[in-house]
PDB file of N, CA and C in Angstrom:
ATOM      1  N   MET A   1      19.590  16.736 -36.996  1.00  0.00           N
ATOM      2  CA  MET A   1      19.873  16.424 -35.610  1.00  0.00           C
ATOM      3  C   MET A   1      18.688  16.773 -34.706  1.00  0.00           C
ATOM      4  N   LYS A   2      18.002  17.867 -35.049  1.00  0.00           N
ATOM      5  CA  LYS A   2      16.867  18.296 -34.237  1.00  0.00           C
ATOM      6  C   LYS A   2      15.735  17.267 -34.276  1.00  0.00           C
ATOM      7  N   GLY A   3      15.457  16.712 -35.441  1.00  0.00           N
ATOM      8  CA  GLY A   3      14.406  15.705 -35.580  1.00  0.00           C
ATOM      9  C   GLY A   3      14.717  14.450 -34.789  1.00  0.00           C
ATOM     10  N   TYR A   4      16.004  14.082 -34.771  1.00  0.00           N
ATOM     11  CA  TYR A   4      16.427  12.902 -34.013  1.00  0.00           C
ATOM     12  C   TYR A   4      16.178  13.104 -32.526  1.00  0.00           C
ATOM     13  N   MET A   5      16.511  14.259 -32.018  1.00  0.00           N
ATOM     14  CA  MET A   5      16.327  14.545 -30.591  1.00  0.00           C
ATOM     15  C   MET A   5      14.847  14.555 -30.225  1.00  0.00           C
ATOM     16  N   GLN A   6      14.001  15.078 -31.111  1.00  0.00           N
ATOM     17  CA  GLN A   6      12.562  15.105 -30.844  1.00  0.00           C
ATOM     18  C   GLN A   6      11.994  13.684 -30.814  1.00  0.00           C
ATOM     19  N   ARG A   7      12.448  12.846 -31.751  1.00  0.00           N
ATOM     20  CA  ARG A   7      11.969  11.460 -31.770  1.00  0.00           C
ATOM     21  C   ARG A   7      12.447  10.697 -30.532  1.00  0.00           C
ATOM     22  N   LYS A   8      13.692  10.974 -30.128  1.00  0.00           N
ATOM     23  CA  LYS A   8      14.235  10.306 -28.948  1.00  0.00           C
ATOM     24  C   LYS A   8      13.465  10.739 -27.697  1.00  0.00           C
ATOM     25  N   ALA A   9      13.180  12.041 -27.595  1.00  0.00           N
ATOM     26  CA  ALA A   9      12.422  12.541 -26.449  1.00  0.00           C
ATOM     27  C   ALA A   9      11.014  11.957 -26.442  1.00  0.00           C
ATOM     28  N   GLN A  10      10.403  11.837 -27.611  1.00  0.00           N
ATOM     29  CA  GLN A  10       9.061  11.273 -27.692  1.00  0.00           C
ATOM     30  C   GLN A  10       9.089   9.806 -27.272  1.00  0.00           C
ATOM     31  N   SER A  11      10.106   9.084 -27.683  1.00  0.00           N
ATOM     32  CA  SER A  11      10.220   7.678 -27.295  1.00  0.00           C
ATOM     33  C   SER A  11      10.364   7.534 -25.789  1.00  0.00           C
ATOM     34  N   ILE A  12      11.167   8.400 -25.189  1.00  0.00           N
ATOM     35  CA  ILE A  12      11.348   8.345 -23.737  1.00  0.00           C
ATOM     36  C   ILE A  12      10.028   8.630 -23.036  1.00  0.00           C
ATOM     37  N   ILE A  13       9.299   9.627 -23.501  1.00  0.00           N
ATOM     38  CA  ILE A  13       8.007   9.964 -22.908  1.00  0.00           C
ATOM     39  C   ILE A  13       7.033   8.797 -23.053  1.00  0.00           C
ATOM     40  N   GLU A  14       7.040   8.147 -24.206  1.00  0.00           N
ATOM     41  CA  GLU A  14       6.146   7.005 -24.419  1.00  0.00           C
ATOM     42  C   GLU A  14       6.484   5.859 -23.472  1.00  0.00           C
ATOM     43  N   TYR A  15       7.768   5.594 -23.270  1.00  0.00           N
ATOM     44  CA  TYR A  15       8.170   4.530 -22.352  1.00  0.00           C
ATOM     45  C   TYR A  15       7.794   4.869 -20.913  1.00  0.00           C
ATOM     46  N   VAL A  16       7.956   6.128 -20.538  1.00  0.00           N
ATOM     47  CA  VAL A  16       7.583   6.539 -19.183  1.00  0.00           C
ATOM     48  C   VAL A  16       6.081   6.386 -18.987  1.00  0.00           C
ATOM     49  N   MET A  17       5.291   6.783 -19.976  1.00  0.00           N
ATOM     50  CA  MET A  17       3.836   6.642 -19.873  1.00  0.00           C
ATOM     51  C   MET A  17       3.441   5.164 -19.781  1.00  0.00           C
ATOM     52  N   LEU A  18       4.077   4.325 -20.576  1.00  0.00           N
ATOM     53  CA  LEU A  18       3.803   2.884 -20.528  1.00  0.00           C
ATOM     54  C   LEU A  18       4.145   2.326 -19.156  1.00  0.00           C
ATOM     55  N   PHE A  19       5.272   2.732 -18.602  1.00  0.00           N
ATOM     56  CA  PHE A  19       5.687   2.288 -17.278  1.00  0.00           C
ATOM     57  C   PHE A  19       4.668   2.712 -16.226  1.00  0.00           C
ATOM     58  N   ILE A  20       4.204   3.952 -16.303  1.00  0.00           N
ATOM     59  CA  ILE A  20       3.214   4.452 -15.346  1.00  0.00           C
ATOM     60  C   ILE A  20       1.918   3.656 -15.445  1.00  0.00           C
ATOM     61  N   ILE A  21       1.485   3.350 -16.647  1.00  0.00           N
ATOM     62  CA  ILE A  21       0.258   2.577 -16.836  1.00  0.00           C
ATOM     63  C   ILE A  21       0.411   1.169 -16.265  1.00  0.00           C
ATOM     64  N   VAL A  22       1.540   0.534 -16.529  1.00  0.00           N
ATOM     65  CA  VAL A  22       1.779  -0.824 -16.035  1.00  0.00           C
ATOM     66  C   VAL A  22       1.829  -0.838 -14.513  1.00  0.00           C
ATOM     67  N   VAL A  23       2.531   0.112 -13.916  1.00  0.00           N
ATOM     68  CA  VAL A  23       2.629   0.172 -12.454  1.00  0.00           C
ATOM     69  C   VAL A  23       1.257   0.431 -11.838  1.00  0.00           C
ATOM     70  N   SER A  24       0.472   1.298 -12.456  1.00  0.00           N
ATOM     71  CA  SER A  24      -0.873   1.579 -11.951  1.00  0.00           C
ATOM     72  C   SER A  24      -1.754   0.332 -12.013  1.00  0.00           C
ATOM     73  N   ALA A  25      -1.657  -0.407 -13.101  1.00  0.00           N
ATOM     74  CA  ALA A  25      -2.443  -1.631 -13.243  1.00  0.00           C
ATOM     75  C   ALA A  25      -2.037  -2.661 -12.192  1.00  0.00           C
ATOM     76  N   ILE A  26      -0.744  -2.798 -11.963  1.00  0.00           N
ATOM     77  CA  ILE A  26      -0.266  -3.745 -10.958  1.00  0.00           C
ATOM     78  C   ILE A  26      -0.744  -3.333  -9.567  1.00  0.00           C
ATOM     79  N   ALA A  27      -0.703  -2.045  -9.277  1.00  0.00           N
ATOM     80  CA  ALA A  27      -1.163  -1.561  -7.970  1.00  0.00           C
ATOM     81  C   ALA A  27      -2.650  -1.837  -7.776  1.00  0.00           C
ATOM     82  N   ALA A  28      -3.441  -1.633  -8.817  1.00  0.00           N
ATOM     83  CA  ALA A  28      -4.881  -1.879  -8.721  1.00  0.00           C
ATOM     84  C   ALA A  28      -5.173  -3.367  -8.539  1.00  0.00           C
ATOM     85  N   VAL A  29      -4.495  -4.200  -9.284  1.00  0.00           N
ATOM     86  CA  VAL A  29      -4.712  -5.647  -9.185  1.00  0.00           C
ATOM     87  C   VAL A  29      -4.226  -6.157  -7.830  1.00  0.00           C
ATOM     88  N   HIS A  30      -3.135  -5.610  -7.346  1.00  0.00           N
ATOM     89  CA  HIS A  30      -2.598  -6.028  -6.042  1.00  0.00           C
ATOM     90  C   HIS A  30      -3.625  -5.833  -4.943  1.00  0.00           C
ATOM     91  N   LYS A  31      -4.339  -4.730  -4.993  1.00  0.00           N
ATOM     92  CA  LYS A  31      -5.359  -4.435  -3.992  1.00  0.00           C
ATOM     93  C   LYS A  31      -6.428  -5.528  -3.961  1.00  0.00           C
ATOM     94  N   TYR A  32      -6.909  -5.937  -5.117  1.00  0.00           N
ATOM     95  CA  TYR A  32      -7.956  -6.949  -5.190  1.00  0.00           C
ATOM     96  C   TYR A  32      -7.438  -8.343  -4.832  1.00  0.00           C
ATOM     97  N   VAL A  33      -6.220  -8.657  -5.235  1.00  0.00           N
ATOM     98  CA  VAL A  33      -5.637  -9.953  -4.895  1.00  0.00           C
ATOM     99  C   VAL A  33      -5.430 -10.041  -3.389  1.00  0.00           C
ATOM    100  N   TYR A  34      -4.959  -8.972  -2.777  1.00  0.00           N
ATOM    101  CA  TYR A  34      -4.747  -8.938  -1.336  1.00  0.00           C
ATOM    102  C   TYR A  34      -6.066  -9.161  -0.594  1.00  0.00           C
ATOM    103  N   ARG A  35      -7.106  -8.478  -1.021  1.00  0.00           N
ATOM    104  CA  ARG A  35      -8.423  -8.648  -0.385  1.00  0.00           C
ATOM    105  C   ARG A  35      -8.949 -10.064  -0.576  1.00  0.00           C
ATOM    106  N   SER A  36      -8.776 -10.610  -1.762  1.00  0.00           N
ATOM    107  CA  SER A  36      -9.241 -11.953  -2.058  1.00  0.00           C
ATOM    108  C   SER A  36      -8.519 -12.987  -1.195  1.00  0.00           C
ATOM    109  N   MET A  37      -7.215 -12.831  -1.055  1.00  0.00           N
ATOM    110  CA  MET A  37      -6.454 -13.770  -0.235  1.00  0.00           C
ATOM    111  C   MET A  37      -6.868 -13.675   1.226  1.00  0.00           C
ATOM    112  N   ASN A  38      -7.087 -12.467   1.709  1.00  0.00           N
ATOM    113  CA  ASN A  38      -7.520 -12.303   3.095  1.00  0.00           C
ATOM    114  C   ASN A  38      -8.897 -12.918   3.324  1.00  0.00           C
ATOM    115  N   ALA A  39      -9.789 -12.749   2.368  1.00  0.00           N
ATOM    116  CA  ALA A  39     -11.121 -13.332   2.491  1.00  0.00           C
ATOM    117  C   ALA A  39     -11.043 -14.853   2.512  1.00  0.00           C
ATOM    118  N   ARG A  40     -10.203 -15.412   1.670  1.00  0.00           N
ATOM    119  CA  ARG A  40     -10.055 -16.877   1.631  1.00  0.00           C
ATOM    120  C   ARG A  40      -9.449 -17.399   2.931  1.00  0.00           C
ATOM    121  N   LEU A  41      -8.436 -16.697   3.450  1.00  0.00           N
ATOM    122  CA  LEU A  41      -7.837 -17.114   4.715  1.00  0.00           C
ATOM    123  C   LEU A  41      -8.839 -17.035   5.855  1.00  0.00           C
ATOM    124  N   LYS A  42      -9.655 -16.004   5.852  1.00  0.00           N
ATOM    125  CA  LYS A  42     -10.681 -15.876   6.888  1.00  0.00           C
ATOM    126  C   LYS A  42     -11.686 -17.016   6.775  1.00  0.00           C
ATOM    127  N   GLN A  43     -12.048 -17.382   5.560  1.00  0.00           N
ATOM    128  CA  GLN A  43     -12.985 -18.484   5.344  1.00  0.00           C
ATOM    129  C   GLN A  43     -12.396 -19.798   5.874  1.00  0.00           C
ATOM    130  N   VAL A  44     -11.146 -20.052   5.588  1.00  0.00           N
ATOM    131  CA  VAL A  44     -10.498 -21.273   6.071  1.00  0.00           C
ATOM    132  C   VAL A  44     -10.426 -21.258   7.594  1.00  0.00           C
ATOM    133  N   GLN A  45     -10.084 -20.109   8.149  1.00  0.00           N
ATOM    134  CA  GLN A  45     -10.015 -19.984   9.602  1.00  0.00           C
ATOM    135  C   GLN A  45     -11.373 -20.273  10.238  1.00  0.00           C
ATOM    136  N   GLU A  46     -12.432 -19.747   9.660  1.00  0.00           N
ATOM    137  CA  GLU A  46     -13.771 -19.983  10.196  1.00  0.00           C
ATOM    138  C   GLU A  46     -14.161 -21.449  10.076  1.00  0.00           C
ATOM    139  N   GLU A  47     -13.787 -22.082   8.971  1.00  0.00           N
ATOM    140  CA  GLU A  47     -14.086 -23.504   8.806  1.00  0.00           C
ATOM    141  C   GLU A  47     -13.363 -24.337   9.847  1.00  0.00           C
ATOM    142  N   LEU A  48     -12.111 -24.020  10.103  1.00  0.00           N
ATOM    143  CA  LEU A  48     -11.351 -24.771  11.103  1.00  0.00           C
ATOM    144  C   LEU A  48     -11.903 -24.534  12.498  1.00  0.00           C
ATOM    145  N   THR A  49     -12.298 -23.323  12.797  1.00  0.00           N
ATOM    146  CA  THR A  49     -12.864 -22.990  14.103  1.00  0.00           C
ATOM    147  C   THR A  49     -14.217 -23.698  14.286  1.00  0.00           C
ATOM    148  N   TYR A  50     -15.018 -23.753  13.232  1.00  0.00           N
ATOM    149  CA  TYR A  50     -16.335 -24.401  13.292  1.00  0.00           C
ATOM    150  C   TYR A  50     -16.179 -25.903  13.530  1.00  0.00           C
ATOM    151  N   LYS A  51     -15.206 -26.518  12.909  1.00  0.00           N
ATOM    152  CA  LYS A  51     -15.009 -27.960  13.053  1.00  0.00           C
ATOM    153  C   LYS A  51     -14.531 -28.332  14.464  1.00  0.00           C
ATOM    154  N   ARG A  52     -13.853 -27.435  15.134  1.00  0.00           N
ATOM    155  CA  ARG A  52     -13.364 -27.719  16.479  1.00  0.00           C
ATOM    156  C   ARG A  52     -14.503 -27.730  17.500  1.00  0.00           C
ATOM    157  N   ASN A  53     -15.515 -26.909  17.263  1.00  0.00           N
ATOM    158  CA  ASN A  53     -16.615 -26.807  18.237  1.00  0.00           C
ATOM    159  C   ASN A  53     -17.537 -27.932  18.123  1.00  0.00           C
TER     160      ASN A  53
END
């Protein structure tokens, strides 16, 4: 019974670590995607403003 509990606890820890890694990766990618989208929107805005003048 003791070995089963240790394996179960290890599995839970592994899943938690995997979850933390995935969430961290998503947070890092979100930052770059957000910046990229803002840069593209600014570029489009500048193009539209330039064409009006």
